[in-house]
Amino acid sequence: MKNTLPDGAVETTLSVMGDKWEFLIVRELLDGTKRFGEIKSGLKTVTQKVLTQKLRNLEARSIVKRKMYAQVPPKVEYTLTSLGETLRPVINSMTNWGNFYRAKKLRLTETAPELEVELLDETPEQEEAAEPQEKSRKHDMESFLL
């Protein structure tokens, strides 16, 4: 059987997870088993068609398990598999980075919108190293505004 996975680890993760909806579905299921409507209400803007398609993709990749109950009306529940659970630290890291980015972007937008481009070049480690410069720049900006 031919290996169809990309060479790189990040590329492999992205090829398995596909797109934003699949990451967000996994995030919704980190709290436990949910029905279709519960997942949909947690995602707000996803259409029923897209959600159905993405759940099927995740099920085919063994990230999500689908359990169907033989009753009327039909009841279907979705749960993360043990493989899906291994995405917890990935989602947590994405959450932490997203919070960092949002705070940084909001701070730059409020203090100096023209400096916003710097955000693209800074990692959290670079930001820590640049803190003295940022304090000085902030002081200079505050002095200028007074």
N, C-alpha and C. Protein backbone atom coordinates (compact mmCIF):
# COMPACT_ATOMS: atom_id res chain seq x y z
N MET A 1 0.84 -1.19 0.00
CA MET A 1 0.00 0.00 0.00
C MET A 1 0.88 1.25 0.00
N LYS A 2 0.57 2.17 -0.84
CA LYS A 2 1.34 3.40 -0.98
C LYS A 2 1.03 4.36 0.17
N ASN A 3 2.08 4.97 0.73
CA ASN A 3 1.91 5.96 1.79
C ASN A 3 1.37 7.25 1.16
N THR A 4 0.18 7.67 1.58
CA THR A 4 -0.42 8.86 0.99
C THR A 4 -0.33 10.06 1.92
N LEU A 5 0.39 9.92 3.03
CA LEU A 5 0.54 11.04 3.94
C LEU A 5 1.70 11.93 3.51
N PRO A 6 1.58 13.23 3.75
CA PRO A 6 2.68 14.14 3.43
C PRO A 6 3.92 13.82 4.26
N ASP A 7 5.06 14.35 3.85
CA ASP A 7 6.31 14.09 4.56
C ASP A 7 6.38 14.79 5.91
N GLY A 8 5.91 16.01 6.01
CA GLY A 8 6.05 16.79 7.24
C GLY A 8 4.95 16.52 8.26
N ALA A 9 5.28 16.71 9.53
CA ALA A 9 4.32 16.47 10.61
C ALA A 9 3.16 17.47 10.59
N VAL A 10 3.46 18.74 10.38
CA VAL A 10 2.41 19.75 10.34
C VAL A 10 1.50 19.51 9.14
N GLU A 11 2.11 19.19 8.01
CA GLU A 11 1.33 18.90 6.80
C GLU A 11 0.43 17.69 7.02
N THR A 12 0.94 16.67 7.73
CA THR A 12 0.13 15.48 8.03
C THR A 12 -1.06 15.85 8.89
N THR A 13 -0.81 16.65 9.93
CA THR A 13 -1.91 17.08 10.81
C THR A 13 -2.97 17.83 10.02
N LEU A 14 -2.53 18.74 9.18
CA LEU A 14 -3.48 19.52 8.39
C LEU A 14 -4.22 18.65 7.37
N SER A 15 -3.55 17.64 6.82
CA SER A 15 -4.24 16.79 5.86
C SER A 15 -5.28 15.90 6.55
N VAL A 16 -5.03 15.51 7.78
CA VAL A 16 -5.98 14.69 8.52
C VAL A 16 -7.15 15.53 9.00
N MET A 17 -6.86 16.71 9.51
CA MET A 17 -7.91 17.55 10.10
C MET A 17 -8.63 18.40 9.06
N GLY A 18 -8.04 18.63 7.92
CA GLY A 18 -8.75 19.29 6.85
C GLY A 18 -8.86 20.79 6.95
N ASP A 19 -9.79 21.28 7.74
CA ASP A 19 -10.03 22.72 7.77
C ASP A 19 -10.52 23.17 9.14
N LYS A 20 -10.90 24.43 9.23
CA LYS A 20 -11.30 25.01 10.51
C LYS A 20 -12.49 24.29 11.13
N TRP A 21 -13.45 23.85 10.33
CA TRP A 21 -14.63 23.22 10.91
C TRP A 21 -14.28 21.94 11.64
N GLU A 22 -13.35 21.18 11.10
CA GLU A 22 -12.99 19.93 11.75
C GLU A 22 -12.29 20.18 13.08
N PHE A 23 -11.44 21.19 13.13
CA PHE A 23 -10.82 21.56 14.42
C PHE A 23 -11.89 22.01 15.41
N LEU A 24 -12.84 22.81 14.94
CA LEU A 24 -13.88 23.32 15.82
C LEU A 24 -14.83 22.22 16.30
N ILE A 25 -15.10 21.24 15.46
CA ILE A 25 -15.93 20.11 15.87
C ILE A 25 -15.21 19.33 16.98
N VAL A 26 -13.92 19.10 16.80
CA VAL A 26 -13.15 18.41 17.84
C VAL A 26 -13.19 19.22 19.13
N ARG A 27 -13.03 20.53 19.02
CA ARG A 27 -13.11 21.39 20.22
C ARG A 27 -14.45 21.21 20.94
N GLU A 28 -15.53 21.16 20.17
CA GLU A 28 -16.86 20.97 20.77
C GLU A 28 -16.98 19.62 21.47
N LEU A 29 -16.34 18.61 20.93
CA LEU A 29 -16.45 17.26 21.49
C LEU A 29 -15.47 16.99 22.63
N LEU A 30 -14.56 17.93 22.89
CA LEU A 30 -13.64 17.75 24.01
C LEU A 30 -14.38 17.69 25.35
N ASP A 31 -15.57 18.28 25.41
CA ASP A 31 -16.38 18.27 26.63
C ASP A 31 -17.13 16.95 26.82
N GLY A 32 -17.16 16.11 25.79
CA GLY A 32 -17.86 14.83 25.89
C GLY A 32 -18.80 14.61 24.73
N THR A 33 -19.59 13.55 24.85
CA THR A 33 -20.52 13.14 23.80
C THR A 33 -21.58 14.20 23.56
N LYS A 34 -21.86 14.45 22.28
CA LYS A 34 -22.89 15.44 21.91
C LYS A 34 -23.69 14.94 20.73
N ARG A 35 -24.92 15.43 20.66
CA ARG A 35 -25.77 15.16 19.51
C ARG A 35 -25.50 16.23 18.44
N PHE A 36 -25.97 15.96 17.23
CA PHE A 36 -25.74 16.84 16.09
C PHE A 36 -26.15 18.28 16.42
N GLY A 37 -27.35 18.46 16.95
CA GLY A 37 -27.85 19.81 17.25
C GLY A 37 -27.00 20.55 18.27
N GLU A 38 -26.45 19.82 19.23
CA GLU A 38 -25.59 20.46 20.24
C GLU A 38 -24.28 20.94 19.61
N ILE A 39 -23.74 20.13 18.71
CA ILE A 39 -22.52 20.54 18.01
C ILE A 39 -22.81 21.75 17.14
N LYS A 40 -23.91 21.70 16.41
CA LYS A 40 -24.29 22.81 15.52
C LYS A 40 -24.50 24.11 16.29
N SER A 41 -25.16 24.03 17.43
CA SER A 41 -25.38 25.27 18.20
C SER A 41 -24.08 25.82 18.77
N GLY A 42 -23.11 24.97 19.03
CA GLY A 42 -21.81 25.44 19.51
C GLY A 42 -20.99 26.10 18.42
N LEU A 43 -21.28 25.78 17.17
CA LEU A 43 -20.51 26.33 16.05
C LEU A 43 -21.20 27.51 15.38
N LYS A 44 -22.44 27.75 15.69
CA LYS A 44 -23.25 28.89 15.25
C LYS A 44 -23.38 29.07 13.74
N THR A 45 -22.28 29.33 13.01
CA THR A 45 -22.40 29.70 11.60
C THR A 45 -22.25 28.54 10.62
N VAL A 46 -22.00 27.34 11.11
CA VAL A 46 -21.84 26.20 10.20
C VAL A 46 -23.20 25.77 9.67
N THR A 47 -23.25 25.40 8.40
CA THR A 47 -24.50 24.91 7.84
C THR A 47 -24.66 23.43 8.17
N GLN A 48 -25.87 22.95 8.08
CA GLN A 48 -26.15 21.55 8.36
C GLN A 48 -25.39 20.65 7.39
N LYS A 49 -25.36 21.04 6.13
CA LYS A 49 -24.67 20.27 5.10
C LYS A 49 -23.18 20.14 5.40
N VAL A 50 -22.54 21.25 5.73
CA VAL A 50 -21.10 21.25 6.01
C VAL A 50 -20.82 20.44 7.27
N LEU A 51 -21.62 20.63 8.31
CA LEU A 51 -21.41 19.89 9.55
C LEU A 51 -21.52 18.39 9.31
N THR A 52 -22.53 17.97 8.56
CA THR A 52 -22.70 16.55 8.24
C THR A 52 -21.48 16.02 7.50
N GLN A 53 -21.02 16.76 6.52
CA GLN A 53 -19.86 16.35 5.72
C GLN A 53 -18.60 16.25 6.60
N LYS A 54 -18.38 17.23 7.44
CA LYS A 54 -17.17 17.24 8.28
C LYS A 54 -17.21 16.14 9.33
N LEU A 55 -18.38 15.87 9.90
CA LEU A 55 -18.50 14.76 10.85
C LEU A 55 -18.20 13.43 10.17
N ARG A 56 -18.66 13.26 8.95
CA ARG A 56 -18.38 12.03 8.20
C ARG A 56 -16.88 11.89 7.92
N ASN A 57 -16.24 13.01 7.56
CA ASN A 57 -14.78 12.99 7.33
C ASN A 57 -14.04 12.58 8.59
N LEU A 58 -14.41 13.17 9.72
CA LEU A 58 -13.76 12.85 10.98
C LEU A 58 -14.00 11.40 11.39
N GLU A 59 -15.19 10.90 11.10
CA GLU A 59 -15.51 9.50 11.40
C GLU A 59 -14.66 8.57 10.51
N ALA A 60 -14.52 8.91 9.25
CA ALA A 60 -13.73 8.10 8.32
C ALA A 60 -12.26 8.06 8.72
N ARG A 61 -11.78 9.10 9.38
CA ARG A 61 -10.38 9.17 9.81
C ARG A 61 -10.18 8.66 11.24
N SER A 62 -11.24 8.11 11.82
CA SER A 62 -11.21 7.55 13.19
C SER A 62 -10.94 8.59 14.27
N ILE A 63 -11.34 9.83 14.02
CA ILE A 63 -11.21 10.90 15.01
C ILE A 63 -12.49 10.97 15.85
N VAL A 64 -13.62 10.71 15.21
CA VAL A 64 -14.94 10.79 15.86
C VAL A 64 -15.65 9.44 15.69
N LYS A 65 -16.36 9.06 16.74
CA LYS A 65 -17.18 7.85 16.68
C LYS A 65 -18.64 8.28 16.68
N ARG A 66 -19.41 7.66 15.80
CA ARG A 66 -20.85 7.96 15.66
C ARG A 66 -21.63 6.78 16.20
N LYS A 67 -22.55 7.07 17.12
CA LYS A 67 -23.40 6.01 17.67
C LYS A 67 -24.84 6.34 17.34
N MET A 68 -25.50 5.39 16.63
CA MET A 68 -26.88 5.58 16.21
C MET A 68 -27.78 4.67 17.05
N TYR A 69 -28.84 5.25 17.57
CA TYR A 69 -29.81 4.49 18.37
C TYR A 69 -31.01 4.16 17.50
N ALA A 70 -31.48 2.92 17.62
CA ALA A 70 -32.65 2.47 16.84
C ALA A 70 -33.92 2.91 17.55
N GLN A 71 -34.32 4.12 17.28
CA GLN A 71 -35.54 4.66 17.87
C GLN A 71 -36.13 5.70 16.93
N VAL A 72 -37.36 6.07 17.22
CA VAL A 72 -38.03 7.11 16.44
C VAL A 72 -38.40 8.24 17.40
N PRO A 73 -38.00 9.46 17.11
CA PRO A 73 -37.12 9.90 16.02
C PRO A 73 -35.69 9.37 16.24
N PRO A 74 -34.92 9.27 15.16
CA PRO A 74 -33.56 8.74 15.27
C PRO A 74 -32.70 9.59 16.19
N LYS A 75 -31.85 8.93 16.94
CA LYS A 75 -30.94 9.62 17.85
C LYS A 75 -29.52 9.21 17.47
N VAL A 76 -28.66 10.22 17.24
CA VAL A 76 -27.27 9.96 16.89
C VAL A 76 -26.40 10.79 17.82
N GLU A 77 -25.36 10.15 18.36
CA GLU A 77 -24.42 10.84 19.23
C GLU A 77 -23.01 10.72 18.66
N TYR A 78 -22.23 11.77 18.90
CA TYR A 78 -20.85 11.81 18.43
C TYR A 78 -19.92 11.95 19.63
N THR A 79 -18.83 11.19 19.59
CA THR A 79 -17.84 11.18 20.66
C THR A 79 -16.46 11.14 20.02
N LEU A 80 -15.48 11.74 20.68
CA LEU A 80 -14.11 11.60 20.20
C LEU A 80 -13.62 10.18 20.48
N THR A 81 -12.89 9.62 19.55
CA THR A 81 -12.24 8.33 19.77
C THR A 81 -10.98 8.59 20.60
N SER A 82 -10.28 7.52 20.97
CA SER A 82 -9.02 7.72 21.70
C SER A 82 -8.03 8.49 20.83
N LEU A 83 -8.05 8.25 19.52
CA LEU A 83 -7.20 9.02 18.61
C LEU A 83 -7.62 10.48 18.60
N GLY A 84 -8.92 10.73 18.57
CA GLY A 84 -9.43 12.10 18.61
C GLY A 84 -9.03 12.82 19.89
N GLU A 85 -9.02 12.09 20.99
CA GLU A 85 -8.61 12.68 22.28
C GLU A 85 -7.17 13.17 22.27
N THR A 86 -6.34 12.56 21.42
CA THR A 86 -4.94 13.00 21.36
C THR A 86 -4.81 14.40 20.76
N LEU A 87 -5.90 14.93 20.20
CA LEU A 87 -5.89 16.30 19.67
C LEU A 87 -6.12 17.34 20.76
N ARG A 88 -6.45 16.91 21.97
CA ARG A 88 -6.70 17.85 23.07
C ARG A 88 -5.56 18.85 23.25
N PRO A 89 -4.29 18.39 23.37
CA PRO A 89 -3.21 19.38 23.55
C PRO A 89 -3.03 20.29 22.34
N VAL A 90 -3.36 19.79 21.16
CA VAL A 90 -3.27 20.62 19.95
C VAL A 90 -4.30 21.75 20.03
N ILE A 91 -5.53 21.40 20.37
CA ILE A 91 -6.60 22.40 20.49
C ILE A 91 -6.27 23.37 21.63
N ASN A 92 -5.75 22.85 22.75
CA ASN A 92 -5.38 23.73 23.87
C ASN A 92 -4.27 24.70 23.46
N SER A 93 -3.29 24.21 22.70
CA SER A 93 -2.22 25.09 22.21
C SER A 93 -2.77 26.15 21.26
N MET A 94 -3.69 25.74 20.40
CA MET A 94 -4.31 26.70 19.48
C MET A 94 -5.10 27.75 20.26
N THR A 95 -5.78 27.32 21.32
CA THR A 95 -6.53 28.25 22.16
C THR A 95 -5.59 29.25 22.82
N ASN A 96 -4.50 28.75 23.39
CA ASN A 96 -3.53 29.64 24.04
C ASN A 96 -2.92 30.62 23.06
N TRP A 97 -2.53 30.13 21.88
CA TRP A 97 -1.93 31.02 20.90
C TRP A 97 -2.95 32.04 20.40
N GLY A 98 -4.19 31.59 20.17
CA GLY A 98 -5.24 32.51 19.73
C GLY A 98 -5.50 33.61 20.75
N ASN A 99 -5.51 33.25 22.04
CA ASN A 99 -5.68 34.25 23.09
C ASN A 99 -4.51 35.23 23.11
N PHE A 100 -3.29 34.71 22.96
CA PHE A 100 -2.10 35.55 22.90
C PHE A 100 -2.20 36.53 21.73
N TYR A 101 -2.53 36.01 20.56
CA TYR A 101 -2.62 36.82 19.35
C TYR A 101 -3.68 37.90 19.50
N ARG A 102 -4.86 37.52 20.01
CA ARG A 102 -5.95 38.48 20.17
C ARG A 102 -5.55 39.60 21.13
N ALA A 103 -4.91 39.24 22.24
CA ALA A 103 -4.49 40.25 23.22
C ALA A 103 -3.45 41.18 22.60
N LYS A 104 -2.50 40.61 21.89
CA LYS A 104 -1.46 41.41 21.26
C LYS A 104 -2.05 42.32 20.19
N LYS A 105 -2.93 41.78 19.38
CA LYS A 105 -3.54 42.56 18.30
C LYS A 105 -4.39 43.70 18.88
N LEU A 106 -5.18 43.39 19.90
CA LEU A 106 -6.00 44.43 20.53
C LEU A 106 -5.13 45.51 21.15
N ARG A 107 -4.05 45.10 21.82
CA ARG A 107 -3.16 46.07 22.44
C ARG A 107 -2.51 46.96 21.39
N LEU A 108 -2.06 46.37 20.28
CA LEU A 108 -1.44 47.18 19.22
C LEU A 108 -2.45 48.10 18.56
N THR A 109 -3.65 47.59 18.33
CA THR A 109 -4.67 48.40 17.66
C THR A 109 -5.04 49.60 18.53
N GLU A 110 -5.10 49.40 19.85
CA GLU A 110 -5.47 50.49 20.74
C GLU A 110 -4.37 51.52 20.90
N THR A 111 -3.10 51.08 20.91
CA THR A 111 -2.01 52.01 21.20
C THR A 111 -1.37 52.59 19.95
N ALA A 112 -1.17 51.76 18.94
CA ALA A 112 -0.47 52.25 17.75
C ALA A 112 -0.80 51.38 16.55
N PRO A 113 -1.91 51.67 15.88
CA PRO A 113 -2.32 50.82 14.75
C PRO A 113 -1.25 50.67 13.68
N GLU A 114 -0.39 51.67 13.51
CA GLU A 114 0.64 51.57 12.48
C GLU A 114 1.71 50.54 12.81
N LEU A 115 1.79 50.09 14.06
CA LEU A 115 2.77 49.08 14.46
C LEU A 115 2.23 47.66 14.32
N GLU A 116 1.03 47.51 13.87
CA GLU A 116 0.37 46.20 13.80
C GLU A 116 1.17 45.19 12.98
N VAL A 117 1.89 45.64 11.99
CA VAL A 117 2.66 44.73 11.14
C VAL A 117 3.72 43.98 11.93
N GLU A 118 4.23 44.52 13.03
CA GLU A 118 5.23 43.84 13.84
C GLU A 118 4.73 42.51 14.38
N LEU A 119 3.45 42.41 14.60
CA LEU A 119 2.87 41.20 15.16
C LEU A 119 3.17 39.98 14.30
N LEU A 120 3.24 40.14 13.01
CA LEU A 120 3.47 39.02 12.12
C LEU A 120 4.85 38.41 12.30
N ASP A 121 5.81 39.19 12.78
CA ASP A 121 7.17 38.71 12.89
C ASP A 121 7.54 38.21 14.27
N GLU A 122 6.72 38.41 15.29
CA GLU A 122 7.08 38.07 16.65
C GLU A 122 6.48 36.75 17.10
N THR A 123 7.31 35.92 17.70
CA THR A 123 6.85 34.72 18.38
C THR A 123 6.74 35.07 19.86
N PRO A 124 6.10 34.24 20.69
CA PRO A 124 6.04 34.53 22.13
C PRO A 124 7.42 34.72 22.75
N GLU A 125 8.41 33.93 22.31
CA GLU A 125 9.77 34.07 22.84
C GLU A 125 10.38 35.42 22.44
N GLN A 126 10.15 35.81 21.19
CA GLN A 126 10.67 37.09 20.73
C GLN A 126 10.00 38.24 21.46
N GLU A 127 8.72 38.07 21.78
CA GLU A 127 8.00 39.12 22.49
C GLU A 127 8.60 39.33 23.88
N GLU A 128 8.91 38.21 24.59
CA GLU A 128 9.51 38.33 25.91
C GLU A 128 10.84 39.06 25.83
N ALA A 129 11.63 38.73 24.82
CA ALA A 129 12.93 39.38 24.65
C ALA A 129 12.77 40.86 24.31
N ALA A 130 11.67 41.22 23.68
CA ALA A 130 11.45 42.60 23.26
C ALA A 130 10.70 43.44 24.29
N GLU A 131 10.31 42.85 25.42
CA GLU A 131 9.52 43.59 26.41
C GLU A 131 10.16 44.90 26.84
N PRO A 132 11.48 44.93 27.15
CA PRO A 132 12.07 46.23 27.53
C PRO A 132 11.91 47.28 26.43
N GLN A 133 12.10 46.87 25.17
CA GLN A 133 11.91 47.79 24.06
C GLN A 133 10.47 48.26 23.98
N GLU A 134 9.53 47.33 24.20
CA GLU A 134 8.11 47.67 24.11
C GLU A 134 7.73 48.67 25.20
N LYS A 135 8.25 48.46 26.41
CA LYS A 135 7.97 49.39 27.50
C LYS A 135 8.50 50.78 27.16
N SER A 136 9.71 50.80 26.60
CA SER A 136 10.30 52.08 26.20
C SER A 136 9.47 52.72 25.09
N ARG A 137 9.06 51.94 24.12
CA ARG A 137 8.25 52.44 23.02
C ARG A 137 6.90 52.95 23.52
N LYS A 138 6.32 52.19 24.47
CA LYS A 138 5.03 52.59 25.03
C LYS A 138 5.19 53.91 25.79
N HIS A 139 6.30 54.03 26.56
CA HIS A 139 6.56 55.26 27.29
C HIS A 139 6.73 56.42 26.30
N ASP A 140 7.49 56.19 25.23
CA ASP A 140 7.69 57.22 24.21
C ASP A 140 6.35 57.63 23.60
N MET A 141 5.49 56.64 23.32
CA MET A 141 4.19 56.92 22.72
C MET A 141 3.31 57.73 23.70
N GLU A 142 3.34 57.34 24.97
CA GLU A 142 2.55 58.07 25.97
C GLU A 142 3.07 59.50 26.11
N SER A 143 4.39 59.68 26.11
CA SER A 143 4.97 61.03 26.19
C SER A 143 4.57 61.86 24.99
N PHE A 144 4.57 61.23 23.82
CA PHE A 144 4.19 61.92 22.59
C PHE A 144 2.73 62.37 22.65
N LEU A 145 1.87 61.52 23.19
CA LEU A 145 0.45 61.83 23.22
C LEU A 145 0.11 62.90 24.24
N LEU A 146 0.95 63.08 25.25
CA LEU A 146 0.69 64.10 26.28
C LEU A 146 0.96 65.45 25.80
